[in-house]
C-alpha atoms as a PDB file:
ATOM      1  CA  MET A   1      23.413 -24.517  26.443  1.00  0.00           C
ATOM      2  CA  ILE A   2      20.732 -22.231  25.004  1.00  0.00           C
ATOM      3  CA  ASN A   3      21.954 -19.998  22.205  1.00  0.00           C
ATOM      4  CA  ILE A   4      20.940 -16.328  22.341  1.00  0.00           C
ATOM      5  CA  ASN A   5      20.543 -15.124  18.803  1.00  0.00           C
ATOM      6  CA  SER A   6      20.791 -11.332  18.918  1.00  0.00           C
ATOM      7  CA  GLU A   7      19.958 -10.832  15.234  1.00  0.00           C
ATOM      8  CA  ASN A   8      17.558 -13.761  14.797  1.00  0.00           C
ATOM      9  CA  ARG A   9      20.043 -15.531  12.515  1.00  0.00           C
ATOM     10  CA  ALA A  10      19.595 -19.033  13.928  1.00  0.00           C
ATOM     11  CA  VAL A  11      16.597 -20.084  11.851  1.00  0.00           C
ATOM     12  CA  GLN A  12      14.511 -17.503  10.034  1.00  0.00           C
ATOM     13  CA  LEU A  13      10.756 -17.874   9.929  1.00  0.00           C
ATOM     14  CA  ASP A  14       9.948 -19.414   6.564  1.00  0.00           C
ATOM     15  CA  GLY A  15       6.322 -20.244   5.923  1.00  0.00           C
ATOM     16  CA  TRP A  16       6.663 -20.048   2.140  1.00  0.00           C
ATOM     17  CA  LYS A  17       7.536 -23.742   2.125  1.00  0.00           C
ATOM     18  CA  ARG A  18       3.980 -24.453   3.320  1.00  0.00           C
ATOM     19  CA  ASP A  19       1.724 -26.009   0.682  1.00  0.00           C
ATOM     20  CA  LEU A  20      -1.614 -24.532  -0.370  1.00  0.00           C
ATOM     21  CA  ASN A  21      -3.665 -26.700   1.984  1.00  0.00           C
ATOM     22  CA  SER A  22      -1.570 -25.636   4.972  1.00  0.00           C
ATOM     23  CA  ARG A  23      -1.957 -21.953   4.090  1.00  0.00           C
ATOM     24  CA  MET A  24      -5.713 -22.352   3.702  1.00  0.00           C
ATOM     25  CA  LYS A  25      -5.817 -23.694   7.260  1.00  0.00           C
ATOM     26  CA  ALA A  26      -3.608 -20.926   8.691  1.00  0.00           C
ATOM     27  CA  GLY A  27      -2.828 -18.085   6.320  1.00  0.00           C
ATOM     28  CA  PHE A  28      -3.985 -14.697   5.165  1.00  0.00           C
ATOM     29  CA  ILE A  29      -4.807 -12.660   2.082  1.00  0.00           C
ATOM     30  CA  LEU A  30      -4.079  -8.968   1.691  1.00  0.00           C
ATOM     31  CA  LEU A  31      -7.129  -7.673  -0.125  1.00  0.00           C
ATOM     32  CA  ASP A  32      -7.311  -4.301  -1.841  1.00  0.00           C
ATOM     33  CA  LYS A  33     -10.849  -3.330  -0.883  1.00  0.00           C
ATOM     34  CA  HIS A  34     -12.685  -1.254  -3.470  1.00  0.00           C
ATOM     35  CA  PRO A  35     -15.259   1.419  -2.543  1.00  0.00           C
ATOM     36  CA  GLY A  36     -18.842   0.211  -2.225  1.00  0.00           C
ATOM     37  CA  PRO A  37     -19.196  -3.077  -0.359  1.00  0.00           C
ATOM     38  CA  THR A  38     -18.732  -3.387   3.371  1.00  0.00           C
ATOM     39  CA  SER A  39     -15.717  -5.166   4.817  1.00  0.00           C
ATOM     40  CA  HIS A  40     -18.079  -7.852   6.120  1.00  0.00           C
ATOM     41  CA  GLN A  41     -19.528  -8.421   2.642  1.00  0.00           C
ATOM     42  CA  LEU A  42     -16.075  -8.888   1.119  1.00  0.00           C
ATOM     43  CA  SER A  43     -15.123 -11.297   3.905  1.00  0.00           C
ATOM     44  CA  ALA A  44     -18.306 -13.295   3.268  1.00  0.00           C
ATOM     45  CA  TRP A  45     -17.675 -13.419  -0.488  1.00  0.00           C
ATOM     46  CA  ALA A  46     -14.091 -14.574   0.009  1.00  0.00           C
ATOM     47  CA  LYS A  47     -15.195 -17.186   2.538  1.00  0.00           C
ATOM     48  CA  ASN A  48     -17.796 -18.466   0.081  1.00  0.00           C
ATOM     49  CA  ILE A  49     -15.592 -18.752  -3.011  1.00  0.00           C
ATOM     50  CA  LEU A  50     -12.750 -20.289  -0.999  1.00  0.00           C
ATOM     51  CA  LYS A  51     -15.244 -22.724   0.577  1.00  0.00           C
ATOM     52  CA  LEU A  52     -13.878 -22.117   4.062  1.00  0.00           C
ATOM     53  CA  ASP A  53     -15.571 -22.545   7.424  1.00  0.00           C
ATOM     54  CA  LYS A  54     -13.502 -19.810   9.043  1.00  0.00           C
ATOM     55  CA  LEU A  55     -12.440 -16.488   7.531  1.00  0.00           C
ATOM     56  CA  ALA A  56     -12.527 -12.973   8.988  1.00  0.00           C
ATOM     57  CA  HIS A  57     -11.114  -9.559   8.213  1.00  0.00           C
ATOM     58  CA  GLY A  58      -8.779  -7.580  10.425  1.00  0.00           C
ATOM     59  CA  GLY A  59      -9.596  -3.886  10.725  1.00  0.00           C
ATOM     60  CA  THR A  60     -12.912  -2.713   9.260  1.00  0.00           C
ATOM     61  CA  LEU A  61     -12.985  -0.129   6.470  1.00  0.00           C
ATOM     62  CA  ASP A  62     -16.078   1.997   5.826  1.00  0.00           C
ATOM     63  CA  PRO A  63     -18.007   1.053   2.651  1.00  0.00           C
ATOM     64  CA  PHE A  64     -16.840   4.168   0.771  1.00  0.00           C
ATOM     65  CA  ALA A  65     -13.173   3.569   1.717  1.00  0.00           C
ATOM     66  CA  SER A  66     -10.605   1.489  -0.144  1.00  0.00           C
ATOM     67  CA  GLY A  67      -7.245  -0.105   0.558  1.00  0.00           C
ATOM     68  CA  VAL A  68      -5.518  -2.709   2.690  1.00  0.00           C
ATOM     69  CA  LEU A  69      -7.933  -5.215   4.233  1.00  0.00           C
ATOM     70  CA  PRO A  70      -6.291  -8.346   5.703  1.00  0.00           C
ATOM     71  CA  LEU A  71      -8.393 -11.520   5.446  1.00  0.00           C
ATOM     72  CA  LEU A  72      -7.435 -14.133   8.036  1.00  0.00           C
ATOM     73  CA  LEU A  73      -8.042 -17.789   7.214  1.00  0.00           C
ATOM     74  CA  GLY A  74      -8.641 -20.664   9.618  1.00  0.00           C
ATOM     75  CA  LYS A  75      -6.347 -20.690  12.636  1.00  0.00           C
ATOM     76  CA  ALA A  76      -4.862 -17.353  11.585  1.00  0.00           C
ATOM     77  CA  MET A  77      -8.082 -15.789  12.910  1.00  0.00           C
ATOM     78  CA  LYS A  78      -6.590 -16.271  16.375  1.00  0.00           C
ATOM     79  CA  LEU A  79      -4.249 -13.396  15.515  1.00  0.00           C
ATOM     80  CA  THR A  80      -7.055 -10.930  14.766  1.00  0.00           C
ATOM     81  CA  PRO A  81      -6.375  -8.935  17.987  1.00  0.00           C
ATOM     82  CA  LEU A  82      -2.786  -8.414  16.843  1.00  0.00           C
ATOM     83  CA  ILE A  83      -3.914  -7.190  13.423  1.00  0.00           C
ATOM     84  CA  LEU A  84      -6.384  -4.772  15.001  1.00  0.00           C
ATOM     85  CA  LYS A  85      -3.529  -3.147  16.926  1.00  0.00           C
ATOM     86  CA  HIS A  86      -1.518  -2.414  13.777  1.00  0.00           C
ATOM     87  CA  GLU A  87      -0.717   1.223  13.116  1.00  0.00           C
ATOM     88  CA  LYS A  88      -2.402   2.477   9.949  1.00  0.00           C
ATOM     89  CA  THR A  89      -1.558   4.873   7.129  1.00  0.00           C
ATOM     90  CA  TYR A  90      -4.371   6.635   5.279  1.00  0.00           C
ATOM     91  CA  ILE A  91      -4.533   8.827   2.197  1.00  0.00           C
ATOM     92  CA  ALA A  92      -7.521  11.133   2.599  1.00  0.00           C
ATOM     93  CA  SER A  93      -9.107  13.642   0.237  1.00  0.00           C
ATOM     94  CA  PHE A  94     -10.942  16.561   1.868  1.00  0.00           C
ATOM     95  CA  LYS A  95     -12.964  19.401   0.375  1.00  0.00           C
ATOM     96  CA  PHE A  96     -13.481  22.783   2.056  1.00  0.00           C
ATOM     97  CA  ASN A  97     -16.684  24.758   1.521  1.00  0.00           C
ATOM     98  CA  SER A  98     -14.633  27.861   0.650  1.00  0.00           C
ATOM     99  CA  LYS A  99     -11.050  28.762  -0.149  1.00  0.00           C
ATOM    100  CA  VAL A 100      -8.473  28.539   2.612  1.00  0.00           C
ATOM    101  CA  ASN A 101      -4.841  29.508   2.971  1.00  0.00           C
ATOM    102  CA  LEU A 102      -2.149  26.807   2.839  1.00  0.00           C
ATOM    103  CA  GLU A 103      -0.218  28.342   5.719  1.00  0.00           C
ATOM    104  CA  ASP A 104      -3.363  28.334   7.837  1.00  0.00           C
ATOM    105  CA  ILE A 105      -3.908  24.619   7.158  1.00  0.00           C
ATOM    106  CA  GLU A 106      -0.269  23.810   7.929  1.00  0.00           C
ATOM    107  CA  THR A 107      -0.552  25.653  11.239  1.00  0.00           C
ATOM    108  CA  LYS A 108      -3.836  24.030  12.219  1.00  0.00           C
ATOM    109  CA  ILE A 109      -2.954  20.416  11.381  1.00  0.00           C
ATOM    110  CA  LYS A 110       0.142  20.640  13.575  1.00  0.00           C
ATOM    111  CA  GLN A 111      -2.263  20.798  16.505  1.00  0.00           C
ATOM    112  CA  PHE A 112      -3.421  17.265  15.655  1.00  0.00           C
ATOM    113  CA  SER A 113       0.010  15.645  15.952  1.00  0.00           C
ATOM    114  CA  GLY A 114       0.449  13.369  18.955  1.00  0.00           C
ATOM    115  CA  LYS A 115      -2.296  12.316  21.374  1.00  0.00           C
ATOM    116  CA  ILE A 116      -5.734  13.663  20.485  1.00  0.00           C
ATOM    117  CA  TYR A 117      -9.328  13.065  21.537  1.00  0.00           C
ATOM    118  CA  ASN A 118     -11.035  11.048  18.808  1.00  0.00           C
ATOM    119  CA  VAL A 119     -14.780  10.406  19.181  1.00  0.00           C
ATOM    120  CA  PRO A 120     -16.245   7.883  16.686  1.00  0.00           C
ATOM    121  CA  PRO A 121     -18.679   9.490  14.214  1.00  0.00           C
ATOM    122  CA  GLU A 122     -22.387   8.733  14.546  1.00  0.00           C
ATOM    123  CA  ILE A 123     -22.344   6.445  11.489  1.00  0.00           C
ATOM    124  CA  SER A 124     -19.715   4.227  13.112  1.00  0.00           C
ATOM    125  CA  ALA A 125     -20.687   0.790  14.402  1.00  0.00           C
ATOM    126  CA  VAL A 126     -18.478   1.402  17.424  1.00  0.00           C
ATOM    127  CA  LYS A 127     -20.001   2.625  20.686  1.00  0.00           C
ATOM    128  CA  ILE A 128     -19.661   6.403  20.780  1.00  0.00           C
ATOM    129  CA  GLN A 129     -17.345   7.376  23.610  1.00  0.00           C
ATOM    130  CA  VAL A 130     -14.403   9.712  24.067  1.00  0.00           C
ATOM    131  CA  ARG A 131     -11.092   8.019  23.321  1.00  0.00           C
ATOM    132  CA  THR A 132      -7.528   9.175  22.759  1.00  0.00           C
ATOM    133  CA  ARG A 133      -5.545   8.222  19.682  1.00  0.00           C
ATOM    134  CA  ASN A 134      -2.011   8.998  18.570  1.00  0.00           C
ATOM    135  CA  ILE A 135      -1.470  10.659  15.187  1.00  0.00           C
ATOM    136  CA  LYS A 136       2.198  10.211  14.337  1.00  0.00           C
ATOM    137  CA  LYS A 137       2.410  12.067  11.038  1.00  0.00           C
ATOM    138  CA  LEU A 138       0.303  14.396   8.913  1.00  0.00           C
ATOM    139  CA  LYS A 139       1.701  15.248   5.493  1.00  0.00           C
ATOM    140  CA  ILE A 140       0.072  17.471   2.880  1.00  0.00           C
ATOM    141  CA  LEU A 141       0.403  15.767  -0.508  1.00  0.00           C
ATOM    142  CA  ASP A 142      -1.591  18.240  -2.599  1.00  0.00           C
ATOM    143  CA  PHE A 143      -3.687  21.373  -2.113  1.00  0.00           C
ATOM    144  CA  ASP A 144      -5.454  23.765  -4.505  1.00  0.00           C
ATOM    145  CA  GLY A 145      -7.216  26.092  -2.091  1.00  0.00           C
ATOM    146  CA  ILE A 146     -10.365  23.962  -1.833  1.00  0.00           C
ATOM    147  CA  ASN A 147      -9.247  20.337  -2.095  1.00  0.00           C
ATOM    148  CA  LEU A 148      -6.721  18.862   0.304  1.00  0.00           C
ATOM    149  CA  LEU A 149      -4.912  15.527  -0.084  1.00  0.00           C
ATOM    150  CA  LEU A 150      -3.388  14.362   3.182  1.00  0.00           C
ATOM    151  CA  GLU A 151      -1.347  11.375   4.349  1.00  0.00           C
ATOM    152  CA  MET A 152      -1.909  10.292   7.949  1.00  0.00           C
ATOM    153  CA  ASP A 153       0.097   7.809  10.034  1.00  0.00           C
ATOM    154  CA  CYS A 154      -1.952   6.955  13.098  1.00  0.00           C
ATOM    155  CA  GLU A 155      -2.778   4.543  15.881  1.00  0.00           C
ATOM    156  CA  ALA A 156      -5.328   1.821  15.208  1.00  0.00           C
ATOM    157  CA  GLY A 157      -8.894   2.986  15.792  1.00  0.00           C
ATOM    158  CA  THR A 158      -8.359   6.573  14.633  1.00  0.00           C
ATOM    159  CA  TYR A 159     -11.397   7.983  12.825  1.00  0.00           C
ATOM    160  CA  VAL A 160     -10.512  10.174   9.839  1.00  0.00           C
ATOM    161  CA  ARG A 161     -14.085  11.517   9.663  1.00  0.00           C
ATOM    162  CA  THR A 162     -13.636  12.801  13.204  1.00  0.00           C
ATOM    163  CA  PHE A 163     -10.357  14.433  12.216  1.00  0.00           C
ATOM    164  CA  ALA A 164     -12.139  16.195   9.317  1.00  0.00           C
ATOM    165  CA  ARG A 165     -14.902  17.425  11.614  1.00  0.00           C
ATOM    166  CA  ASP A 166     -12.470  18.723  14.226  1.00  0.00           C
ATOM    167  CA  LEU A 167     -10.198  20.396  11.662  1.00  0.00           C
ATOM    168  CA  GLY A 168     -13.267  22.134  10.248  1.00  0.00           C
ATOM    169  CA  LEU A 169     -14.267  23.384  13.696  1.00  0.00           C
ATOM    170  CA  LEU A 170     -10.754  24.674  14.296  1.00  0.00           C
ATOM    171  CA  MET A 171     -10.716  26.536  10.967  1.00  0.00           C
ATOM    172  CA  ASP A 172     -14.372  27.615  11.125  1.00  0.00           C
ATOM    173  CA  LYS A 173     -14.994  25.816   7.837  1.00  0.00           C
ATOM    174  CA  LYS A 174     -17.112  22.919   6.689  1.00  0.00           C
ATOM    175  CA  ILE A 175     -14.899  20.056   5.526  1.00  0.00           C
ATOM    176  CA  THR A 176     -16.130  17.002   3.643  1.00  0.00           C
ATOM    177  CA  LEU A 177     -14.178  13.746   3.533  1.00  0.00           C
ATOM    178  CA  LYS A 178     -14.436  12.873  -0.168  1.00  0.00           C
ATOM    179  CA  GLU A 179     -12.221   9.791  -0.435  1.00  0.00           C
ATOM    180  CA  LEU A 180     -10.324   7.583   1.983  1.00  0.00           C
ATOM    181  CA  ARG A 181      -7.732   4.923   1.280  1.00  0.00           C
ATOM    182  CA  ARG A 182      -5.814   2.781   3.757  1.00  0.00           C
ATOM    183  CA  SER A 183      -2.401   2.487   2.148  1.00  0.00           C
ATOM    184  CA  LYS A 184      -0.731   0.557   4.957  1.00  0.00           C
ATOM    185  CA  SER A 185      -1.649  -1.654   7.906  1.00  0.00           C
ATOM    186  CA  GLY A 186       1.261  -2.554  10.151  1.00  0.00           C
ATOM    187  CA  ILE A 187       4.056  -3.933   7.973  1.00  0.00           C
ATOM    188  CA  PHE A 188       1.746  -4.513   4.995  1.00  0.00           C
ATOM    189  CA  ASP A 189       1.262  -1.879   2.311  1.00  0.00           C
ATOM    190  CA  GLU A 190      -1.031  -1.602  -0.695  1.00  0.00           C
ATOM    191  CA  LYS A 191       1.642  -2.863  -3.105  1.00  0.00           C
ATOM    192  CA  LYS A 192       1.217  -6.351  -1.641  1.00  0.00           C
ATOM    193  CA  CYS A 193      -2.578  -6.397  -2.000  1.00  0.00           C
ATOM    194  CA  ILE A 194      -4.727  -8.173  -4.569  1.00  0.00           C
ATOM    195  CA  SER A 195      -8.243  -7.494  -5.825  1.00  0.00           C
ATOM    196  CA  MET A 196     -11.272  -9.759  -5.557  1.00  0.00           C
ATOM    197  CA  THR A 197     -10.990 -10.254  -9.329  1.00  0.00           C
ATOM    198  CA  GLN A 198      -7.422 -11.509  -8.968  1.00  0.00           C
ATOM    199  CA  LEU A 199      -8.558 -13.897  -6.235  1.00  0.00           C
ATOM    200  CA  SER A 200     -11.353 -15.211  -8.455  1.00  0.00           C
ATOM    201  CA  ASP A 201      -8.952 -15.639 -11.392  1.00  0.00           C
ATOM    202  CA  ALA A 202      -6.443 -17.523  -9.236  1.00  0.00           C
ATOM    203  CA  LEU A 203      -9.196 -19.856  -8.017  1.00  0.00           C
ATOM    204  CA  TRP A 204     -10.339 -20.490 -11.590  1.00  0.00           C
ATOM    205  CA  LYS A 205      -6.767 -21.378 -12.537  1.00  0.00           C
ATOM    206  CA  LEU A 206      -6.606 -23.791  -9.604  1.00  0.00           C
ATOM    207  CA  ASN A 207      -9.999 -25.427 -10.128  1.00  0.00           C
ATOM    208  CA  GLU A 208     -10.040 -25.579 -13.930  1.00  0.00           C
ATOM    209  CA  LEU A 209      -6.366 -26.074 -14.778  1.00  0.00           C
ATOM    210  CA  GLY A 210      -5.046 -27.644 -11.584  1.00  0.00           C
ATOM    211  CA  ASP A 211      -2.449 -24.863 -11.362  1.00  0.00           C
ATOM    212  CA  ASP A 212      -1.944 -23.546  -7.817  1.00  0.00           C
ATOM    213  CA  SER A 213       0.876 -21.093  -8.647  1.00  0.00           C
ATOM    214  CA  ALA A 214      -1.336 -17.988  -8.546  1.00  0.00           C
ATOM    215  CA  MET A 215      -3.028 -19.053  -5.310  1.00  0.00           C
ATOM    216  CA  LEU A 216       0.341 -19.695  -3.665  1.00  0.00           C
ATOM    217  CA  LYS A 217       1.343 -16.114  -4.459  1.00  0.00           C
ATOM    218  CA  ILE A 218      -1.916 -14.746  -3.046  1.00  0.00           C
ATOM    219  CA  LEU A 219      -2.143 -16.884   0.100  1.00  0.00           C
ATOM    220  CA  ASN A 220       0.433 -15.672   2.597  1.00  0.00           C
ATOM    221  CA  PRO A 221       1.635 -18.088   5.301  1.00  0.00           C
ATOM    222  CA  ILE A 222       0.960 -17.194   8.911  1.00  0.00           C
ATOM    223  CA  GLU A 223       4.692 -16.702   9.492  1.00  0.00           C
ATOM    224  CA  GLU A 224       4.516 -13.411   7.579  1.00  0.00           C
ATOM    225  CA  LEU A 225       2.123 -11.997  10.182  1.00  0.00           C
ATOM    226  CA  VAL A 226       4.556 -12.468  13.055  1.00  0.00           C
ATOM    227  CA  LYS A 227       7.981 -12.205  11.440  1.00  0.00           C
ATOM    228  CA  ASN A 228       8.911  -9.177  13.576  1.00  0.00           C
ATOM    229  CA  PHE A 229       8.159 -10.952  16.863  1.00  0.00           C
ATOM    230  CA  GLN A 230      10.834 -12.125  19.277  1.00  0.00           C
ATOM    231  CA  ARG A 231      11.179 -15.888  18.985  1.00  0.00           C
ATOM    232  CA  ILE A 232      11.983 -19.115  20.770  1.00  0.00           C
ATOM    233  CA  ILE A 233      13.094 -22.134  18.752  1.00  0.00           C
ATOM    234  CA  VAL A 234      12.196 -25.434  20.374  1.00  0.00           C
ATOM    235  CA  LYS A 235      13.463 -28.965  19.903  1.00  0.00           C
ATOM    236  CA  PRO A 236      11.331 -31.469  17.932  1.00  0.00           C
ATOM    237  CA  SER A 237      10.691 -33.453  21.111  1.00  0.00           C
ATOM    238  CA  ALA A 238       8.610 -30.544  22.452  1.00  0.00           C
ATOM    239  CA  HIS A 239       6.203 -30.264  19.516  1.00  0.00           C
ATOM    240  CA  GLU A 240       3.615 -32.714  20.823  1.00  0.00           C
ATOM    241  CA  SER A 241       3.351 -31.062  24.233  1.00  0.00           C
ATOM    242  CA  ILE A 242       3.040 -27.631  22.591  1.00  0.00           C
ATOM    243  CA  LYS A 243       0.238 -29.022  20.433  1.00  0.00           C
ATOM    244  CA  ASN A 244      -1.581 -29.839  23.668  1.00  0.00           C
ATOM    245  CA  GLY A 245      -0.975 -26.352  25.077  1.00  0.00           C
ATOM    246  CA  ALA A 246       1.550 -27.412  27.706  1.00  0.00           C
ATOM    247  CA  MET A 247       3.965 -24.953  29.293  1.00  0.00           C
ATOM    248  CA  ILE A 248       7.294 -24.741  27.447  1.00  0.00           C
ATOM    249  CA  MET A 249      10.181 -25.649  29.717  1.00  0.00           C
ATOM    250  CA  ILE A 250      13.832 -24.601  29.484  1.00  0.00           C
ATOM    251  CA  PRO A 251      15.167 -28.054  28.418  1.00  0.00           C
ATOM    252  CA  ALA A 252      12.957 -27.839  25.300  1.00  0.00           C
ATOM    253  CA  VAL A 253      14.594 -24.615  24.078  1.00  0.00           C
ATOM    254  CA  SER A 254      17.485 -24.521  21.602  1.00  0.00           C
ATOM    255  CA  HIS A 255      17.610 -20.848  20.527  1.00  0.00           C
ATOM    256  CA  ILE A 256      16.022 -17.601  21.698  1.00  0.00           C
ATOM    257  CA  SER A 257      15.899 -14.000  20.541  1.00  0.00           C
ATOM    258  CA  SER A 258      17.877 -11.547  22.654  1.00  0.00           C
ATOM    259  CA  LYS A 259      15.151  -9.017  23.510  1.00  0.00           C
ATOM    260  CA  ILE A 260      12.414 -11.161  25.034  1.00  0.00           C
ATOM    261  CA  LYS A 261      10.795  -9.577  28.074  1.00  0.00           C
ATOM    262  CA  LYS A 262       8.573 -11.257  30.627  1.00  0.00           C
ATOM    263  CA  GLY A 263       4.943 -10.925  29.539  1.00  0.00           C
ATOM    264  CA  ASP A 264       5.722 -10.421  25.841  1.00  0.00           C
ATOM    265  CA  SER A 265       3.787 -12.210  23.121  1.00  0.00           C
ATOM    266  CA  ILE A 266       6.428 -14.281  21.335  1.00  0.00           C
ATOM    267  CA  VAL A 267       6.645 -16.802  18.513  1.00  0.00           C
ATOM    268  CA  ILE A 268       7.393 -20.445  19.243  1.00  0.00           C
ATOM    269  CA  GLN A 269       8.910 -21.969  16.125  1.00  0.00           C
ATOM    270  CA  SER A 270      10.415 -25.192  14.838  1.00  0.00           C
ATOM    271  CA  ASN A 271      13.958 -25.763  13.593  1.00  0.00           C
ATOM    272  CA  GLU A 272      12.491 -25.536  10.083  1.00  0.00           C
ATOM    273  CA  GLY A 273      11.215 -21.991  10.625  1.00  0.00           C
ATOM    274  CA  ILE A 274       7.522 -22.886  11.006  1.00  0.00           C
ATOM    275  CA  VAL A 275       5.330 -21.170  13.615  1.00  0.00           C
ATOM    276  CA  LEU A 276       4.073 -23.636  16.212  1.00  0.00           C
ATOM    277  CA  ALA A 277       2.399 -21.203  18.603  1.00  0.00           C
ATOM    278  CA  ILE A 278       2.144 -17.687  19.962  1.00  0.00           C
ATOM    279  CA  ALA A 279       3.019 -17.731  23.647  1.00  0.00           C
ATOM    280  CA  GLU A 280       3.395 -15.462  26.657  1.00  0.00           C
ATOM    281  CA  ALA A 281       6.988 -15.220  27.860  1.00  0.00           C
ATOM    282  CA  LYS A 282       7.429 -16.136  31.522  1.00  0.00           C
ATOM    283  CA  LEU A 283      11.080 -15.019  31.675  1.00  0.00           C
ATOM    284  CA  ASP A 284      13.286 -12.552  29.840  1.00  0.00           C
ATOM    285  CA  SER A 285      16.088 -13.639  27.497  1.00  0.00           C
ATOM    286  CA  ALA A 286      18.946 -13.117  29.932  1.00  0.00           C
ATOM    287  CA  THR A 287      17.260 -15.172  32.656  1.00  0.00           C
ATOM    288  CA  ILE A 288      16.426 -18.046  30.313  1.00  0.00           C
ATOM    289  CA  THR A 289      20.061 -18.511  29.296  1.00  0.00           C
ATOM    290  CA  VAL A 290      21.394 -18.884  32.842  1.00  0.00           C
ATOM    291  CA  LYS A 291      18.727 -21.214  34.209  1.00  0.00           C
ATOM    292  CA  GLU A 292      18.798 -24.966  33.733  1.00  0.00           C
ATOM    293  CA  LYS A 293      15.157 -25.669  34.474  1.00  0.00           C
ATOM    294  CA  GLY A 294      11.812 -23.967  34.870  1.00  0.00           C
ATOM    295  CA  SER A 295       9.072 -22.603  32.642  1.00  0.00           C
ATOM    296  CA  VAL A 296       9.836 -20.340  29.688  1.00  0.00           C
ATOM    297  CA  ALA A 297       6.549 -19.588  27.944  1.00  0.00           C
ATOM    298  CA  GLN A 298       2.858 -20.471  28.008  1.00  0.00           C
ATOM    299  CA  PRO A 299       1.257 -21.115  24.579  1.00  0.00           C
ATOM    300  CA  LYS A 300      -1.792 -18.912  23.966  1.00  0.00           C
ATOM    301  CA  HIS A 301      -2.554 -19.724  20.325  1.00  0.00           C
ATOM    302  CA  VAL A 302      -1.430 -23.057  18.869  1.00  0.00           C
ATOM    303  CA  PHE A 303      -1.044 -23.615  15.117  1.00  0.00           C
ATOM    304  CA  ILE A 304      -0.020 -27.282  14.884  1.00  0.00           C
END
């Protein structure tokens, strides 16, 4: 009988047992981007010093911006679309061309909560077209009459420059975006990030001293990217067929999460808590538990 695990207690995802080589093949680094270089330049530098064939960043930051920039290594690059969908939190510093009233700002920014039209600025590499984005929270952190420090929780793809332009139009003021920092991307915040210098130092420690402890702290296993997903735990006998991309059948399943819905992207994991694949659910949890045969999920991205 298949066990429904309503609180995911059966076997937790645990990629920290992976060795350094395994994480280099399917892992990620949370980089604290500094202002100046482009996101593509930092990705190229990291790829070069790590001597990897495959490395990409998830969610581009403008050159002048700083903050959370996930670098996906090897097979983890298959999860780039998931990273790009992450909600983001930004800390933005704006400057008005003349003094404004705090109450006026508070009134005006309320109009930007929820769904808004957000057209990419001309300097963006993205095709300029009208799009809607959801701004979940706008919080004033500091204000002195001219300079405004704002925290913004928003949907992926929201342009803060566009927000500044539109707020200025609404207030009949010129507003300049002076600084921008991404403090959070999905479940990852800036406290978990490392600098390029720290990455270089960890590599020196590995190459010169044979000590991989610093690199193991920096290189996150792929399991950390998907730990909030609904999951299916499969029997060892199914691993080889999953490796070949075969449909996962009900007899191969030992445990499932309780909230799987048909069409969901779910994690397929081993009894040891290692991610085997990301798959599309073909049935919901309740249906899986009462059926004795049939297909459960189709692997989309395989990591074994």
